Amino acid sequence: MKPILLAVISAQVFASVAFAQTDEETLKAGKRQFRSCQACHGLEKGDNRQTGPTLNGLFGRKAGAAADFAFSDAMKASTIVWSDETLDQFLASPQQAIPGNKMALGAVKDPEQRAQLVAYLKSATAP
């Protein structure tokens, strides 16, 4: 029984180390993905650009509810609360997720790139 327990613990430790390495790589890739977003979106509190609101405090916030930004009626009327899943869906097809929103960026088609971007935004936008 002890060798099995040792094997399970070793596997968990190895998986944790491998995840940490992958996580760092994912965040770096997500930061690269964000370059196409930063012309319109800032990450700091109050950093509203002309064309997009700050993403600071994004996760857990209702769509269209950030202060000091003139959102489209569609975004304000949305019932979406930003999470990993809702942001992934929005980035996959902004107009399908919230028809009539003003976001100019087209869809991020690649699911891996969306996952990287969402992971980066989650780490970079915490208030």
Protein backbone atom coordinates (compact mmCIF):
# COMPACT_ATOMS: atom_id res chain seq x y z
CA MET A 1 0.00 0.00 0.00
CA LYS A 2 2.82 2.45 0.81
CA PRO A 3 4.40 2.20 -2.69
CA ILE A 4 1.04 3.07 -4.26
CA LEU A 5 0.60 6.06 -1.94
CA LEU A 6 4.13 7.21 -2.74
CA ALA A 7 3.44 6.88 -6.48
CA VAL A 8 0.23 8.92 -6.17
CA ILE A 9 1.97 11.67 -4.17
CA SER A 10 4.89 11.74 -6.64
CA ALA A 11 2.50 12.03 -9.57
CA GLN A 12 0.67 14.94 -7.90
CA VAL A 13 3.92 16.79 -7.19
CA PHE A 14 5.10 16.25 -10.78
CA ALA A 15 1.76 17.45 -12.14
CA SER A 16 1.91 20.57 -9.96
CA VAL A 17 5.40 21.44 -11.20
CA ALA A 18 4.43 20.79 -14.83
CA PHE A 19 1.29 22.95 -14.41
CA ALA A 20 3.31 25.82 -12.97
CA GLN A 21 5.64 25.72 -15.98
CA THR A 22 2.75 25.54 -18.41
CA ASP A 23 0.93 28.30 -16.54
CA GLU A 24 3.88 30.67 -16.88
CA GLU A 25 4.13 29.90 -20.58
CA THR A 26 0.39 30.39 -20.96
CA LEU A 27 0.56 33.80 -19.29
CA LYS A 28 3.44 34.88 -21.54
CA ALA A 29 1.51 33.77 -24.62
CA GLY A 30 -1.60 35.53 -23.33
CA LYS A 31 0.37 38.73 -22.85
CA ARG A 32 1.44 38.49 -26.49
CA GLN A 33 -2.21 37.95 -27.47
CA PHE A 34 -3.18 41.07 -25.54
CA ARG A 35 -1.05 43.28 -27.80
CA SER A 36 -3.90 43.38 -30.30
CA CYS A 37 -6.27 44.50 -27.51
CA GLN A 38 -4.19 47.22 -25.89
CA ALA A 39 -4.89 49.86 -28.51
CA CYS A 40 -8.45 49.93 -27.16
CA HIS A 41 -8.19 48.52 -23.61
CA GLY A 42 -6.03 49.38 -20.61
CA LEU A 43 -5.41 47.16 -17.61
CA GLU A 44 -5.11 49.77 -14.88
CA LYS A 45 -8.02 51.16 -12.88
CA GLY A 46 -9.50 54.16 -14.71
CA ASP A 47 -7.51 53.50 -17.89
CA ASN A 48 -10.44 53.93 -20.26
CA ARG A 49 -9.26 54.48 -23.81
CA GLN A 50 -11.32 56.28 -26.44
CA THR A 51 -12.59 53.05 -27.93
CA GLY A 52 -12.65 50.61 -25.01
CA PRO A 53 -13.05 50.47 -21.24
CA THR A 54 -10.41 49.45 -18.75
CA LEU A 55 -10.30 45.72 -18.13
CA ASN A 56 -9.21 46.22 -14.53
CA GLY A 57 -11.57 44.27 -12.26
CA LEU A 58 -13.15 42.56 -15.27
CA PHE A 59 -13.81 39.13 -13.76
CA GLY A 60 -17.00 39.02 -11.74
CA ARG A 61 -18.24 42.33 -13.17
CA LYS A 62 -21.44 42.63 -15.18
CA ALA A 63 -20.89 43.43 -18.85
CA GLY A 64 -21.31 47.13 -19.54
CA ALA A 65 -20.94 48.12 -15.89
CA ALA A 66 -17.43 49.56 -15.69
CA ALA A 67 -17.42 53.14 -14.49
CA ASP A 68 -16.66 56.09 -16.73
CA PHE A 69 -17.20 54.43 -20.10
CA ALA A 70 -20.00 54.93 -22.63
CA PHE A 71 -21.04 51.37 -23.40
CA SER A 72 -23.38 50.43 -26.23
CA ASP A 73 -27.01 49.82 -25.30
CA ALA A 74 -26.46 46.17 -26.20
CA MET A 75 -23.58 45.82 -23.74
CA LYS A 76 -25.48 47.61 -20.96
CA ALA A 77 -28.55 45.42 -21.53
CA SER A 78 -26.53 42.21 -21.47
CA THR A 79 -26.95 39.87 -18.53
CA ILE A 80 -23.39 38.52 -18.88
CA VAL A 81 -21.11 38.53 -15.86
CA TRP A 82 -17.49 38.16 -16.94
CA SER A 83 -15.88 34.82 -16.10
CA ASP A 84 -13.42 32.53 -17.87
CA GLU A 85 -16.30 30.93 -19.76
CA THR A 86 -18.23 34.07 -20.70
CA LEU A 87 -15.09 35.90 -21.82
CA ASP A 88 -14.05 32.88 -23.90
CA GLN A 89 -17.47 32.85 -25.59
CA PHE A 90 -17.35 36.60 -26.18
CA LEU A 91 -13.86 36.49 -27.68
CA ALA A 92 -14.87 33.58 -29.92
CA SER A 93 -17.65 35.71 -31.44
CA PRO A 94 -18.31 39.14 -29.92
CA GLN A 95 -21.34 39.88 -32.08
CA GLN A 96 -22.91 36.49 -31.45
CA ALA A 97 -22.32 36.73 -27.69
CA ILE A 98 -23.72 40.29 -27.43
CA PRO A 99 -25.38 41.33 -30.69
CA GLY A 100 -25.00 45.05 -31.36
CA ASN A 101 -21.98 45.67 -29.13
CA LYS A 102 -19.35 48.18 -30.32
CA MET A 103 -16.22 46.01 -30.06
CA ALA A 104 -14.33 46.42 -33.31
CA LEU A 105 -11.99 43.46 -32.88
CA GLY A 106 -13.07 40.38 -34.75
CA ALA A 107 -13.23 36.97 -33.18
CA VAL A 108 -10.24 35.16 -31.73
CA LYS A 109 -10.83 31.92 -33.61
CA ASP A 110 -8.12 29.73 -32.06
CA PRO A 111 -9.35 28.20 -28.76
CA GLU A 112 -5.79 27.90 -27.41
CA GLN A 113 -5.11 31.59 -28.08
CA ARG A 114 -8.40 32.52 -26.35
CA ALA A 115 -7.46 30.39 -23.34
CA GLN A 116 -4.06 32.08 -23.17
CA LEU A 117 -5.62 35.53 -23.43
CA VAL A 118 -8.25 34.77 -20.78
CA ALA A 119 -5.59 33.39 -18.41
CA TYR A 120 -3.45 36.50 -18.90
CA LEU A 121 -6.38 38.87 -18.43
CA LYS A 122 -7.43 37.05 -15.27
CA SER A 123 -3.97 37.53 -13.80
CA ALA A 124 -3.46 41.09 -15.09
CA THR A 125 -6.84 42.63 -14.26
CA ALA A 126 -7.34 41.69 -10.65
CA PRO A 127 -8.18 44.88 -8.75
